[in-house]
Amino acid sequence: MNDLVDLVRTKLTKMQMVTINALIVIDVHAKDVVELLWRNNISDVSSFEWISQLRYYWEKDNCMVKCI
């Protein structure tokens, strides 16, 4: 996310700026979702809080994020 913030401060085309701003918003939202799940100790995949968000999976030592 920090790399995107640094990049958005450089000279970009309008399309590049719009795209990077959208990526920043998506990343901030995802970070907030993960923090919410962690703070509320959500560990059951059938919990509403989990079902209503993106899905996070561990695959080959990487955290993967998937939409419904």
PDB file of N, CA and C in Angstrom:
ATOM      1  N   MET A   1       0.831  -1.186   0.000  1.00  0.00           N
ATOM      2  CA  MET A   1       0.000   0.000   0.000  1.00  0.00           C
ATOM      3  C   MET A   1       0.878   1.252   0.000  1.00  0.00           C
ATOM      4  N   ASN A   2       1.955   1.215   0.777  1.00  0.00           N
ATOM      5  CA  ASN A   2       2.850   2.377   0.811  1.00  0.00           C
ATOM      6  C   ASN A   2       3.454   2.659  -0.562  1.00  0.00           C
ATOM      7  N   ASP A   3       3.762   1.592  -1.303  1.00  0.00           N
ATOM      8  CA  ASP A   3       4.298   1.775  -2.651  1.00  0.00           C
ATOM      9  C   ASP A   3       3.281   2.470  -3.558  1.00  0.00           C
ATOM     10  N   LEU A   4       2.013   2.131  -3.403  1.00  0.00           N
ATOM     11  CA  LEU A   4       0.975   2.787  -4.202  1.00  0.00           C
ATOM     12  C   LEU A   4       0.849   4.262  -3.830  1.00  0.00           C
ATOM     13  N   VAL A   5       0.930   4.556  -2.551  1.00  0.00           N
ATOM     14  CA  VAL A   5       0.853   5.950  -2.103  1.00  0.00           C
ATOM     15  C   VAL A   5       2.028   6.738  -2.669  1.00  0.00           C
ATOM     16  N   ASP A   6       3.228   6.151  -2.645  1.00  0.00           N
ATOM     17  CA  ASP A   6       4.392   6.826  -3.221  1.00  0.00           C
ATOM     18  C   ASP A   6       4.198   7.039  -4.719  1.00  0.00           C
ATOM     19  N   LEU A   7       3.672   6.036  -5.394  1.00  0.00           N
ATOM     20  CA  LEU A   7       3.472   6.117  -6.836  1.00  0.00           C
ATOM     21  C   LEU A   7       2.462   7.192  -7.211  1.00  0.00           C
ATOM     22  N   VAL A   8       1.416   7.334  -6.432  1.00  0.00           N
ATOM     23  CA  VAL A   8       0.367   8.307  -6.754  1.00  0.00           C
ATOM     24  C   VAL A   8       0.886   9.740  -6.628  1.00  0.00           C
ATOM     25  N   ARG A   9       2.000   9.922  -5.950  1.00  0.00           N
ATOM     26  CA  ARG A   9       2.595  11.259  -5.791  1.00  0.00           C
ATOM     27  C   ARG A   9       3.521  11.623  -6.953  1.00  0.00           C
ATOM     28  N   THR A  10       3.654  10.727  -7.921  1.00  0.00           N
ATOM     29  CA  THR A  10       4.490  11.000  -9.085  1.00  0.00           C
ATOM     30  C   THR A  10       3.622  11.494 -10.234  1.00  0.00           C
ATOM     31  N   LYS A  11       4.271  11.861 -11.334  1.00  0.00           N
ATOM     32  CA  LYS A  11       3.528  12.330 -12.511  1.00  0.00           C
ATOM     33  C   LYS A  11       2.902  11.122 -13.211  1.00  0.00           C
ATOM     34  N   LEU A  12       1.574  11.117 -13.267  1.00  0.00           N
ATOM     35  CA  LEU A  12       0.830  10.005 -13.862  1.00  0.00           C
ATOM     36  C   LEU A  12      -0.205  10.546 -14.831  1.00  0.00           C
ATOM     37  N   THR A  13      -0.633   9.669 -15.740  1.00  0.00           N
ATOM     38  CA  THR A  13      -1.757  10.042 -16.595  1.00  0.00           C
ATOM     39  C   THR A  13      -3.031   9.997 -15.757  1.00  0.00           C
ATOM     40  N   LYS A  14      -4.082  10.580 -16.277  1.00  0.00           N
ATOM     41  CA  LYS A  14      -5.353  10.576 -15.553  1.00  0.00           C
ATOM     42  C   LYS A  14      -5.825   9.148 -15.294  1.00  0.00           C
ATOM     43  N   MET A  15      -5.708   8.266 -16.292  1.00  0.00           N
ATOM     44  CA  MET A  15      -6.135   6.867 -16.147  1.00  0.00           C
ATOM     45  C   MET A  15      -5.295   6.148 -15.087  1.00  0.00           C
ATOM     46  N   GLN A  16      -3.998   6.383 -15.088  1.00  0.00           N
ATOM     47  CA  GLN A  16      -3.131   5.765 -14.080  1.00  0.00           C
ATOM     48  C   GLN A  16      -3.516   6.237 -12.682  1.00  0.00           C
ATOM     49  N   MET A  17      -3.790   7.540 -12.545  1.00  0.00           N
ATOM     50  CA  MET A  17      -4.165   8.107 -11.246  1.00  0.00           C
ATOM     51  C   MET A  17      -5.468   7.489 -10.741  1.00  0.00           C
ATOM     52  N   VAL A  18      -6.458   7.377 -11.618  1.00  0.00           N
ATOM     53  CA  VAL A  18      -7.746   6.794 -11.237  1.00  0.00           C
ATOM     54  C   VAL A  18      -7.561   5.336 -10.808  1.00  0.00           C
ATOM     55  N   THR A  19      -6.773   4.594 -11.573  1.00  0.00           N
ATOM     56  CA  THR A  19      -6.540   3.181 -11.273  1.00  0.00           C
ATOM     57  C   THR A  19      -5.837   3.006  -9.939  1.00  0.00           C
ATOM     58  N   ILE A  20      -4.791   3.775  -9.704  1.00  0.00           N
ATOM     59  CA  ILE A  20      -4.038   3.649  -8.455  1.00  0.00           C
ATOM     60  C   ILE A  20      -4.884   4.088  -7.267  1.00  0.00           C
ATOM     61  N   ASN A  21      -5.655   5.144  -7.425  1.00  0.00           N
ATOM     62  CA  ASN A  21      -6.544   5.565  -6.334  1.00  0.00           C
ATOM     63  C   ASN A  21      -7.547   4.465  -5.990  1.00  0.00           C
ATOM     64  N   ALA A  22      -8.075   3.790  -7.010  1.00  0.00           N
ATOM     65  CA  ALA A  22      -9.014   2.692  -6.769  1.00  0.00           C
ATOM     66  C   ALA A  22      -8.320   1.550  -6.028  1.00  0.00           C
ATOM     67  N   LEU A  23      -7.091   1.231  -6.414  1.00  0.00           N
ATOM     68  CA  LEU A  23      -6.343   0.175  -5.725  1.00  0.00           C
ATOM     69  C   LEU A  23      -6.080   0.529  -4.266  1.00  0.00           C
ATOM     70  N   ILE A  24      -5.793   1.788  -3.998  1.00  0.00           N
ATOM     71  CA  ILE A  24      -5.563   2.227  -2.612  1.00  0.00           C
ATOM     72  C   ILE A  24      -6.837   2.053  -1.791  1.00  0.00           C
ATOM     73  N   VAL A  25      -7.972   2.455  -2.346  1.00  0.00           N
ATOM     74  CA  VAL A  25      -9.252   2.317  -1.631  1.00  0.00           C
ATOM     75  C   VAL A  25      -9.536   0.845  -1.338  1.00  0.00           C
ATOM     76  N   ILE A  26      -9.309  -0.017  -2.325  1.00  0.00           N
ATOM     77  CA  ILE A  26      -9.543  -1.453  -2.136  1.00  0.00           C
ATOM     78  C   ILE A  26      -8.625  -2.007  -1.052  1.00  0.00           C
ATOM     79  N   ASP A  27      -7.346  -1.619  -1.078  1.00  0.00           N
ATOM     80  CA  ASP A  27      -6.396  -2.109  -0.075  1.00  0.00           C
ATOM     81  C   ASP A  27      -6.749  -1.633   1.330  1.00  0.00           C
ATOM     82  N   VAL A  28      -7.141  -0.384   1.469  1.00  0.00           N
ATOM     83  CA  VAL A  28      -7.519   0.138   2.790  1.00  0.00           C
ATOM     84  C   VAL A  28      -8.750  -0.588   3.310  1.00  0.00           C
ATOM     85  N   HIS A  29      -9.724  -0.813   2.446  1.00  0.00           N
ATOM     86  CA  HIS A  29     -10.925  -1.538   2.867  1.00  0.00           C
ATOM     87  C   HIS A  29     -10.575  -2.962   3.309  1.00  0.00           C
ATOM     88  N   ALA A  30      -9.738  -3.640   2.532  1.00  0.00           N
ATOM     89  CA  ALA A  30      -9.344  -5.005   2.888  1.00  0.00           C
ATOM     90  C   ALA A  30      -8.614  -5.032   4.234  1.00  0.00           C
ATOM     91  N   LYS A  31      -7.747  -4.063   4.466  1.00  0.00           N
ATOM     92  CA  LYS A  31      -7.042  -3.974   5.745  1.00  0.00           C
ATOM     93  C   LYS A  31      -8.032  -3.779   6.886  1.00  0.00           C
ATOM     94  N   ASP A  32      -9.017  -2.923   6.680  1.00  0.00           N
ATOM     95  CA  ASP A  32     -10.030  -2.680   7.707  1.00  0.00           C
ATOM     96  C   ASP A  32     -10.860  -3.933   7.988  1.00  0.00           C
ATOM     97  N   VAL A  33     -11.183  -4.680   6.955  1.00  0.00           N
ATOM     98  CA  VAL A  33     -11.947  -5.916   7.120  1.00  0.00           C
ATOM     99  C   VAL A  33     -11.157  -6.923   7.943  1.00  0.00           C
ATOM    100  N   VAL A  34      -9.896  -7.104   7.601  1.00  0.00           N
ATOM    101  CA  VAL A  34      -9.056  -8.052   8.344  1.00  0.00           C
ATOM    102  C   VAL A  34      -8.946  -7.629   9.801  1.00  0.00           C
ATOM    103  N   GLU A  35      -8.764  -6.335  10.039  1.00  0.00           N
ATOM    104  CA  GLU A  35      -8.671  -5.850  11.421  1.00  0.00           C
ATOM    105  C   GLU A  35      -9.980  -6.091  12.179  1.00  0.00           C
ATOM    106  N   LEU A  36     -11.115  -5.845  11.532  1.00  0.00           N
ATOM    107  CA  LEU A  36     -12.420  -6.077  12.157  1.00  0.00           C
ATOM    108  C   LEU A  36     -12.585  -7.544  12.543  1.00  0.00           C
ATOM    109  N   LEU A  37     -12.255  -8.446  11.623  1.00  0.00           N
ATOM    110  CA  LEU A  37     -12.362  -9.872  11.912  1.00  0.00           C
ATOM    111  C   LEU A  37     -11.441 -10.260  13.066  1.00  0.00           C
ATOM    112  N   TRP A  38     -10.245  -9.738  13.063  1.00  0.00           N
ATOM    113  CA  TRP A  38      -9.271 -10.050  14.120  1.00  0.00           C
ATOM    114  C   TRP A  38      -9.735  -9.500  15.470  1.00  0.00           C
ATOM    115  N   ARG A  39     -10.151  -8.235  15.501  1.00  0.00           N
ATOM    116  CA  ARG A  39     -10.563  -7.608  16.774  1.00  0.00           C
ATOM    117  C   ARG A  39     -11.798  -8.285  17.378  1.00  0.00           C
ATOM    118  N   ASN A  40     -12.669  -8.793  16.523  1.00  0.00           N
ATOM    119  CA  ASN A  40     -13.889  -9.453  17.002  1.00  0.00           C
ATOM    120  C   ASN A  40     -13.722 -10.957  17.142  1.00  0.00           C
ATOM    121  N   ASN A  41     -12.500 -11.427  17.022  1.00  0.00           N
ATOM    122  CA  ASN A  41     -12.181 -12.855  17.175  1.00  0.00           C
ATOM    123  C   ASN A  41     -13.071 -13.745  16.311  1.00  0.00           C
ATOM    124  N   ILE A  42     -13.278 -13.333  15.080  1.00  0.00           N
ATOM    125  CA  ILE A  42     -14.101 -14.124  14.162  1.00  0.00           C
ATOM    126  C   ILE A  42     -13.244 -15.280  13.651  1.00  0.00           C
ATOM    127  N   SER A  43     -13.619 -16.490  14.018  1.00  0.00           N
ATOM    128  CA  SER A  43     -12.847 -17.657  13.592  1.00  0.00           C
ATOM    129  C   SER A  43     -13.727 -18.730  12.956  1.00  0.00           C
ATOM    130  N   ASP A  44     -15.011 -18.502  12.953  1.00  0.00           N
ATOM    131  CA  ASP A  44     -15.949 -19.466  12.376  1.00  0.00           C
ATOM    132  C   ASP A  44     -16.340 -19.000  10.974  1.00  0.00           C
ATOM    133  N   VAL A  45     -16.080 -19.831   9.965  1.00  0.00           N
ATOM    134  CA  VAL A  45     -16.382 -19.437   8.592  1.00  0.00           C
ATOM    135  C   VAL A  45     -17.872 -19.287   8.325  1.00  0.00           C
ATOM    136  N   SER A  46     -18.711 -19.712   9.245  1.00  0.00           N
ATOM    137  CA  SER A  46     -20.154 -19.519   9.073  1.00  0.00           C
ATOM    138  C   SER A  46     -20.645 -18.246   9.761  1.00  0.00           C
ATOM    139  N   SER A  47     -19.743 -17.491  10.381  1.00  0.00           N
ATOM    140  CA  SER A  47     -20.122 -16.217  11.009  1.00  0.00           C
ATOM    141  C   SER A  47     -20.515 -15.211   9.933  1.00  0.00           C
ATOM    142  N   PHE A  48     -21.527 -14.428  10.224  1.00  0.00           N
ATOM    143  CA  PHE A  48     -21.970 -13.415   9.266  1.00  0.00           C
ATOM    144  C   PHE A  48     -20.841 -12.476   8.886  1.00  0.00           C
ATOM    145  N   GLU A  49     -20.049 -12.074   9.878  1.00  0.00           N
ATOM    146  CA  GLU A  49     -18.959 -11.139   9.630  1.00  0.00           C
ATOM    147  C   GLU A  49     -17.979 -11.688   8.598  1.00  0.00           C
ATOM    148  N   TRP A  50     -17.778 -12.990   8.607  1.00  0.00           N
ATOM    149  CA  TRP A  50     -16.883 -13.622   7.639  1.00  0.00           C
ATOM    150  C   TRP A  50     -17.579 -13.765   6.279  1.00  0.00           C
ATOM    151  N   ILE A  51     -18.796 -14.264   6.299  1.00  0.00           N
ATOM    152  CA  ILE A  51     -19.527 -14.516   5.060  1.00  0.00           C
ATOM    153  C   ILE A  51     -19.748 -13.232   4.267  1.00  0.00           C
ATOM    154  N   SER A  52     -19.932 -12.121   4.957  1.00  0.00           N
ATOM    155  CA  SER A  52     -20.251 -10.876   4.267  1.00  0.00           C
ATOM    156  C   SER A  52     -19.029 -10.176   3.672  1.00  0.00           C
ATOM    157  N   GLN A  53     -17.848 -10.740   3.832  1.00  0.00           N
ATOM    158  CA  GLN A  53     -16.623 -10.097   3.356  1.00  0.00           C
ATOM    159  C   GLN A  53     -15.910 -10.953   2.317  1.00  0.00           C
ATOM    160  N   LEU A  54     -14.750 -10.452   1.904  1.00  0.00           N
ATOM    161  CA  LEU A  54     -13.883 -11.228   1.029  1.00  0.00           C
ATOM    162  C   LEU A  54     -13.413 -12.466   1.768  1.00  0.00           C
ATOM    163  N   ARG A  55     -12.988 -13.445   1.025  1.00  0.00           N
ATOM    164  CA  ARG A  55     -12.473 -14.672   1.631  1.00  0.00           C
ATOM    165  C   ARG A  55     -10.952 -14.651   1.596  1.00  0.00           C
ATOM    166  N   TYR A  56     -10.341 -15.070   2.677  1.00  0.00           N
ATOM    167  CA  TYR A  56      -8.892 -15.117   2.795  1.00  0.00           C
ATOM    168  C   TYR A  56      -8.481 -16.562   2.997  1.00  0.00           C
ATOM    169  N   TYR A  57      -7.555 -17.038   2.179  1.00  0.00           N
ATOM    170  CA  TYR A  57      -7.114 -18.425   2.229  1.00  0.00           C
ATOM    171  C   TYR A  57      -5.590 -18.479   2.267  1.00  0.00           C
ATOM    172  N   TRP A  58      -5.067 -19.475   2.941  1.00  0.00           N
ATOM    173  CA  TRP A  58      -3.628 -19.738   2.890  1.00  0.00           C
ATOM    174  C   TRP A  58      -3.376 -20.772   1.809  1.00  0.00           C
ATOM    175  N   GLU A  59      -2.551 -20.406   0.824  1.00  0.00           N
ATOM    176  CA  GLU A  59      -2.166 -21.314  -0.248  1.00  0.00           C
ATOM    177  C   GLU A  59      -0.660 -21.212  -0.443  1.00  0.00           C
ATOM    178  N   LYS A  60       0.033 -22.312  -0.197  1.00  0.00           N
ATOM    179  CA  LYS A  60       1.488 -22.354  -0.385  1.00  0.00           C
ATOM    180  C   LYS A  60       2.184 -21.199   0.339  1.00  0.00           C
ATOM    181  N   ASP A  61       1.902 -21.049   1.613  1.00  0.00           N
ATOM    182  CA  ASP A  61       2.516 -20.021   2.467  1.00  0.00           C
ATOM    183  C   ASP A  61       2.178 -18.586   2.062  1.00  0.00           C
ATOM    184  N   ASN A  62       1.115 -18.393   1.296  1.00  0.00           N
ATOM    185  CA  ASN A  62       0.666 -17.048   0.908  1.00  0.00           C
ATOM    186  C   ASN A  62      -0.785 -16.884   1.298  1.00  0.00           C
ATOM    187  N   CYS A  63      -1.115 -15.680   1.719  1.00  0.00           N
ATOM    188  CA  CYS A  63      -2.516 -15.352   2.003  1.00  0.00           C
ATOM    189  C   CYS A  63      -3.156 -14.898   0.707  1.00  0.00           C
ATOM    190  N   MET A  64      -4.199 -15.607   0.267  1.00  0.00           N
ATOM    191  CA  MET A  64      -4.898 -15.290  -0.976  1.00  0.00           C
ATOM    192  C   MET A  64      -6.247 -14.674  -0.633  1.00  0.00           C
ATOM    193  N   VAL A  65      -6.642 -13.647  -1.365  1.00  0.00           N
ATOM    194  CA  VAL A  65      -7.917 -12.978  -1.152  1.00  0.00           C
ATOM    195  C   VAL A  65      -8.799 -13.258  -2.355  1.00  0.00           C
ATOM    196  N   LYS A  66     -10.030 -13.697  -2.090  1.00  0.00           N
ATOM    197  CA  LYS A  66     -10.951 -14.024  -3.182  1.00  0.00           C
ATOM    198  C   LYS A  66     -12.317 -13.402  -2.911  1.00  0.00           C
ATOM    199  N   CYS A  67     -12.954 -12.941  -3.976  1.00  0.00           N
ATOM    200  CA  CYS A  67     -14.313 -12.421  -3.863  1.00  0.00           C
ATOM    201  C   CYS A  67     -15.314 -13.551  -4.007  1.00  0.00           C
ATOM    202  N   ILE A  68     -16.520 -13.305  -3.529  1.00  0.00           N
ATOM    203  CA  ILE A  68     -17.590 -14.290  -3.688  1.00  0.00           C
ATOM    204  C   ILE A  68     -17.954 -14.356  -5.148  1.00  0.00           C
TER     205      ILE A  68
END
